[in-house]
Structures are given as structure tokens and as C-alpha cells.
Protein backbone atom coordinates (compact mmCIF):
# COMPACT_ATOMS: atom_id res chain seq x y z
CA MET A 1 42.92 91.67 -116.32
CA ARG A 2 46.37 90.17 -114.21
CA ILE A 3 49.83 91.74 -115.07
CA GLU A 4 52.98 89.84 -114.07
CA SER A 5 56.63 90.67 -114.00
CA VAL A 6 59.00 87.90 -114.09
CA LYS A 7 62.78 87.88 -113.90
CA ASP A 8 63.83 86.96 -117.57
CA TYR A 9 63.00 85.09 -120.48
CA THR A 10 63.47 81.78 -119.01
CA ALA A 11 61.03 82.62 -116.32
CA MET A 12 58.49 84.13 -118.76
CA SER A 13 58.78 80.72 -120.92
CA SER A 14 58.10 78.57 -117.95
CA VAL A 15 55.20 80.53 -116.65
CA GLY A 16 53.41 80.55 -119.88
CA ALA A 17 53.88 77.09 -120.73
CA SER A 18 52.45 76.17 -117.25
CA ILE A 19 49.45 78.27 -118.13
CA ILE A 20 48.74 76.94 -121.37
CA PHE A 21 49.52 73.19 -120.17
CA ASP A 22 47.15 73.69 -116.99
CA ALA A 23 44.52 75.06 -119.04
CA VAL A 24 44.71 72.26 -121.79
CA MET A 25 44.74 69.47 -119.28
CA ALA A 26 41.59 70.59 -117.46
CA LYS A 27 39.79 69.98 -120.38
CA ILE A 28 41.45 67.12 -122.34
CA SER A 29 41.79 65.19 -119.00
CA LYS A 30 37.76 64.99 -118.90
CA GLY A 31 37.67 63.99 -122.69
CA GLU A 32 36.63 67.56 -123.96
CA ARG A 33 38.25 69.04 -127.01
CA PHE A 34 40.63 72.10 -126.22
CA ASN A 35 41.07 74.99 -129.12
CA LEU A 36 44.38 76.57 -128.49
CA GLY A 37 45.44 79.77 -130.17
CA LEU A 38 49.08 79.87 -131.14
CA ALA A 39 51.49 82.55 -132.10
CA THR A 40 55.04 82.32 -133.48
CA GLY A 41 58.21 84.33 -133.36
CA ASN A 42 61.40 84.05 -130.84
CA THR A 43 59.46 84.87 -128.08
CA MET A 44 57.52 81.57 -128.10
CA ILE A 45 60.61 79.32 -128.62
CA GLN A 46 61.72 78.16 -125.16
CA LEU A 47 57.88 78.37 -124.20
CA TYR A 48 56.97 75.64 -127.15
CA ALA A 49 59.62 73.47 -125.88
CA GLU A 50 58.92 73.25 -122.45
CA LEU A 51 55.08 72.94 -123.32
CA ALA A 52 55.91 69.87 -125.44
CA ALA A 53 57.94 68.32 -122.83
CA LYS A 54 55.04 69.12 -120.29
CA PHE A 55 52.50 67.14 -122.61
CA ASN A 56 54.82 64.25 -123.09
CA ILE A 57 55.46 63.55 -119.42
CA ALA A 58 52.04 63.75 -118.66
CA LYS A 59 51.28 61.38 -121.60
CA ALA A 60 48.30 63.98 -122.55
CA ASP A 61 45.70 62.71 -125.12
CA LEU A 62 46.57 65.27 -127.87
CA SER A 63 44.10 63.63 -130.32
CA LEU A 64 41.79 66.08 -128.35
CA LEU A 65 43.95 69.08 -129.21
CA SER A 66 43.12 71.46 -132.17
CA THR A 67 45.69 74.48 -132.81
CA TRP A 68 44.81 77.70 -134.75
CA ASN A 69 47.72 79.75 -135.64
CA LEU A 70 47.38 83.61 -135.73
CA ASP A 71 48.61 84.07 -139.15
CA GLU A 72 50.80 82.82 -142.19
CA TYR A 73 53.04 84.91 -144.72
CA ALA A 74 51.85 85.30 -148.02
CA SER A 75 53.83 85.81 -151.29
CA ASP A 76 51.16 88.01 -152.71
CA ASP A 77 47.52 88.80 -151.78
CA HIS A 78 46.09 85.27 -152.23
CA THR A 79 49.09 82.93 -152.11
CA ALA A 80 50.64 81.33 -149.15
CA VAL A 81 54.28 81.09 -148.96
CA PRO A 82 55.51 77.51 -149.61
CA HIS A 83 55.96 75.38 -146.46
CA ASP A 84 59.83 75.38 -146.87
CA HIS A 85 60.01 78.92 -146.94
CA PRO A 86 62.61 80.18 -144.32
CA LEU A 87 59.96 82.18 -142.51
CA SER A 88 56.96 80.35 -143.05
CA TYR A 89 54.61 80.03 -140.03
CA TRP A 90 53.89 76.31 -140.81
CA LYS A 91 57.29 75.56 -140.75
CA TYR A 92 57.92 77.39 -137.63
CA MET A 93 55.24 75.53 -135.62
CA HIS A 94 56.21 71.98 -136.91
CA GLU A 95 60.03 72.51 -135.78
CA MET A 96 59.48 74.56 -132.93
CA LEU A 97 56.32 72.60 -131.41
CA PHE A 98 54.49 70.00 -133.29
CA SER A 99 57.59 67.70 -134.10
CA LYS A 100 58.24 67.59 -130.27
CA PHE A 101 55.21 65.77 -129.40
CA ASP A 102 55.79 62.14 -128.84
CA PRO A 103 53.89 60.73 -131.74
CA ALA A 104 52.16 58.25 -129.13
CA LEU A 105 50.04 61.36 -127.89
CA GLY A 106 48.09 61.16 -131.07
CA PHE A 107 48.41 64.87 -132.17
CA LYS A 108 46.93 64.93 -135.55
CA GLU A 109 48.27 67.04 -138.58
CA GLU A 110 44.69 67.98 -139.61
CA ASN A 111 44.06 69.40 -136.47
CA ALA A 112 46.75 71.84 -136.84
CA HIS A 113 45.13 74.88 -138.79
CA PHE A 114 46.48 78.04 -140.24
CA PRO A 115 44.49 81.16 -141.92
CA ALA A 116 44.68 80.44 -145.74
CA PRO A 117 45.26 83.42 -148.10
CA GLU A 118 43.28 81.71 -150.70
CA SER A 119 40.22 81.88 -148.55
CA PRO A 120 40.51 83.77 -145.06
CA GLU A 121 36.79 84.32 -144.96
CA ALA A 122 36.49 80.66 -143.86
CA TYR A 123 38.99 80.79 -140.77
CA ASP A 124 36.50 82.35 -138.54
CA PRO A 125 33.56 80.04 -139.37
CA ALA A 126 35.70 77.16 -138.77
CA ILE A 127 36.98 78.38 -135.36
CA ALA A 128 33.20 79.27 -134.34
CA SER A 129 32.03 75.97 -135.77
CA ALA A 130 34.72 73.90 -133.51
CA GLY A 131 33.50 75.84 -130.37
CA GLY A 132 35.66 79.03 -130.35
CA LEU A 133 39.28 79.41 -128.94
CA ASP A 134 39.52 78.18 -125.10
CA LEU A 135 43.17 80.23 -125.05
CA GLN A 136 44.82 82.62 -127.51
CA LEU A 137 48.58 83.17 -126.98
CA LEU A 138 49.62 86.33 -128.20
CA GLY A 139 52.72 88.58 -128.58
CA ILE A 140 52.84 92.16 -129.13
CA GLY A 141 54.60 94.24 -131.91
CA PHE A 142 57.01 96.91 -131.52
CA ASN A 143 54.17 99.19 -132.96
CA GLY A 144 51.57 97.62 -130.66
CA HIS A 145 50.17 95.31 -133.41
CA ILE A 146 48.74 91.74 -132.26
CA ALA A 147 48.86 88.97 -134.94
CA PHE A 148 49.21 91.20 -138.27
CA ASN A 149 46.30 93.61 -137.24
CA GLU A 150 48.29 96.57 -138.08
CA PRO A 151 47.69 100.11 -136.23
CA ILE A 152 45.36 102.61 -137.88
CA PRO A 153 45.34 106.12 -136.91
CA ASP A 154 42.47 107.26 -134.64
CA GLY A 155 39.66 108.70 -136.68
CA GLU A 156 40.15 106.40 -139.41
CA ILE A 157 38.04 103.74 -138.32
CA PRO A 158 35.36 103.25 -135.40
CA VAL A 159 36.88 101.83 -132.21
CA GLU A 160 34.26 99.18 -132.27
CA GLU A 161 34.59 98.31 -135.98
CA TYR A 162 38.26 97.73 -135.65
CA GLY A 163 37.62 95.52 -132.74
CA SER A 164 35.28 93.31 -135.06
CA LEU A 165 37.67 92.76 -137.98
CA PRO A 166 37.66 89.52 -139.50
CA THR A 167 40.64 87.26 -140.54
CA ARG A 168 41.94 88.67 -143.63
CA VAL A 169 44.85 89.12 -145.86
CA LEU A 170 46.72 92.64 -145.62
CA PRO A 171 49.94 94.26 -146.69
CA LEU A 172 52.49 94.56 -143.82
CA SER A 173 53.50 97.78 -142.57
CA LYS A 174 56.95 99.14 -143.05
CA GLU A 175 57.36 99.11 -139.29
CA THR A 176 56.46 95.57 -139.15
CA ILE A 177 58.51 94.22 -142.14
CA ASP A 178 61.65 95.95 -140.61
CA GLN A 179 60.97 94.44 -137.06
CA ASN A 180 60.61 90.92 -138.71
CA THR A 181 63.78 91.65 -140.69
CA LYS A 182 65.66 92.39 -137.63
CA VAL A 183 64.09 89.66 -135.30
CA THR A 184 63.57 86.60 -137.60
CA ALA A 185 65.16 87.09 -140.79
CA GLY A 186 68.79 87.76 -139.79
CA GLY A 187 68.72 91.28 -141.13
CA ASP A 188 67.79 90.17 -144.73
CA SER A 189 64.71 92.09 -145.62
CA SER A 190 64.26 90.20 -148.98
CA LEU A 191 63.33 87.14 -146.86
CA VAL A 192 60.39 88.90 -145.30
CA PRO A 193 56.98 88.56 -147.46
CA ARG A 194 54.99 91.73 -147.90
CA TYR A 195 51.83 90.21 -147.02
CA ALA A 196 49.91 88.04 -144.65
CA ALA A 197 46.78 86.19 -143.74
CA THR A 198 45.91 87.08 -140.20
CA MET A 199 43.61 86.14 -137.55
CA GLY A 200 41.16 89.09 -136.85
CA MET A 201 40.57 90.93 -133.98
CA ALA A 202 37.15 89.41 -133.58
CA PRO A 203 38.35 85.74 -133.08
CA ILE A 204 40.99 87.02 -131.08
CA LEU A 205 38.89 88.89 -128.60
CA ALA A 206 36.09 86.07 -128.56
CA ALA A 207 38.82 83.57 -127.11
CA ARG A 208 37.84 82.60 -123.67
CA GLN A 209 41.44 83.37 -122.10
CA CYS A 210 44.05 85.72 -123.86
CA LEU A 211 47.88 85.28 -122.76
CA LEU A 212 50.15 88.12 -124.08
CA LEU A 213 53.90 87.31 -123.59
CA ALA A 214 56.51 90.50 -123.85
CA CYS A 215 60.14 90.27 -123.64
CA PHE A 216 61.84 92.72 -125.72
CA GLU A 217 62.91 96.21 -124.77
CA GLU A 218 61.12 97.89 -127.73
CA GLN A 219 57.91 96.54 -126.50
CA GLN A 220 58.04 98.92 -123.68
CA VAL A 221 56.76 101.73 -125.87
CA PRO A 222 53.55 100.15 -127.03
CA LEU A 223 52.79 98.88 -123.69
CA ARG A 224 53.47 102.04 -121.73
CA ALA A 225 51.36 103.94 -124.33
CA ILE A 226 48.68 101.32 -123.64
CA PHE A 227 48.84 101.76 -119.86
CA ALA A 228 48.64 105.53 -120.09
CA ARG A 229 45.28 105.17 -121.67
CA ASN A 230 43.93 103.39 -118.68
CA GLY A 231 42.59 100.52 -120.68
CA GLU A 232 40.54 102.59 -123.26
CA PRO A 233 41.18 101.02 -126.85
CA THR A 234 42.48 102.55 -129.84
CA SER A 235 42.92 101.42 -133.46
CA PHE A 236 46.22 102.95 -133.16
CA LEU A 237 47.50 100.53 -130.34
CA PRO A 238 45.65 97.09 -131.29
CA ALA A 239 46.85 95.40 -128.18
CA SER A 240 44.74 98.03 -126.17
CA TYR A 241 41.71 96.08 -126.86
CA LEU A 242 42.92 93.33 -124.87
CA TRP A 243 42.79 95.34 -121.72
CA ARG A 244 38.80 95.17 -121.69
CA HIS A 245 39.01 91.28 -122.24
CA SER A 246 37.41 89.49 -119.33
CA ASP A 247 40.36 87.10 -118.92
CA TYR A 248 43.41 88.50 -119.92
CA ARG A 249 46.83 88.00 -118.54
CA LEU A 250 50.05 89.81 -119.44
CA ILE A 251 53.56 88.54 -118.47
CA TYR A 252 56.46 90.58 -119.14
CA THR A 253 60.24 90.32 -118.42
CA ALA A 254 61.51 92.81 -116.10
CA ASP A 255 65.28 92.31 -117.23
CA LYS A 256 64.07 94.03 -120.34
CA ILE A 257 60.81 95.81 -119.81
CA VAL A 258 59.85 98.29 -117.20
CA LEU A 259 56.32 99.25 -116.91
């Protein structure tokens, strides 16, 4: 585990973009495919702009890049929101990253993957068949969730079982709906869907590298709680499972978070 404090959001974005760029280029420059797990939200906006610029300058062969998003909103327990929904993660990724790639780099639309609420059980085998995730980019929810793997009180599920949860559709907690209303929906709760298809804990923890970025003051609460446990995982703090990952890196902004 590596923990790094940086000055601010700009520094976090630059460091994060460099880590991802270097990891991707180390494989695709040798003609090997790279499976990149992607996250969404305000945390990642500047990082994606810088990452696209790096790929464009390097003239990277992005035909070798496959992306696997953590989640997609659902209008009910089996129907994805349309691509033009204001909070669609398909829309977010195309606006914030994919559209910024130079078309000459050869990134393929069919290599951009999202968990489908209609068939979430197909996502994990697809990731495994592709060779597993080389790097998973993550944020952390104000309640400690990663992706939309929501906290479950201690004792309601065995620790190992929670860490083995697959990709699935689930209702979002009130905390998460409130958080996303504030951070991404401009205060309009009606815009936030009540369900999401989310990558499970199992494929996240199976990624060869995990990179967690934190830049909101409210993220101090779950991060401090995780630190206080000295790496002991708990289903009540899903991000705590990352502490025992073999290649985990946390980067947080010192102007907003004090640990």
C-alpha cells in the first residue's frame, strides 16, 4: 500500500493521470492489450482531460485499450438509463474522456464496457475472459462505498463474503442519493436514479493495481475510520478492503483532507 498527499485537486489529477498513462503505455507499447477500470464523478474530470492529452501527444495505439466502467445508473432494477440521461455514465465517459481521444489513435467504441442492468451477471466473466483488470481507478463515497457497493452493517454478512460480491444491480442508499444530488445533480434529487448496476467487490479486488483518489472534505470521515482499523476490512466500510490489496495506492488532497 502506498499513500500520497498532494497539494490540491490539480496536483491529484496530474499525478493520477501520469500513473494511469505510464501503466497503459508499459503494455500497449509492447503490443499488449490493457484493461482499464474507470470511475466517474467530479473527482475524475481533470484527470481524464490530462490523460487524453497524454495519449494524444504520445500517439498511443488505443486500439489496444479496453475500458471497463464501475457502474451505470438504472431507472429500475433491470433497465439502464438512456445515454442522453443527464447523469448517464455512458454520457459522462464519452464527454469527459473518449471524445477527447484523437480519432487517429484507433480507440474502438466496442472496447468501452459498462455493466448492463439487464444482465449484470455477464460482466465479471467478460472481464475475466479479457484477462482481468490491469488497473482500477476508484473514488470513495462519503459513506465509504466504492463503485456502488454500499455499506452493510457488521454481522449482517461475513467479511469474506462481502469481498466476493459480484457485479449486480442494487438500490442506492439514501446517503448515496443525497451525495450525488449535491455533487453531480445540482441539488435536484429527482435527477438521481434509485438503482445502479455496479461492478462487484470481487472484480475490483482482483485488479492487478487499484488507484483511489480523494479530494472532498467529507471523505475524511470514511478514510479516518479505515485508518483507525489498521487495515482490517469491514463490510460497513467497503473501501477498507483495498488496504489488503497487493498493489493499492491512495492519493488525497492536503487542502481538503487531513489524515
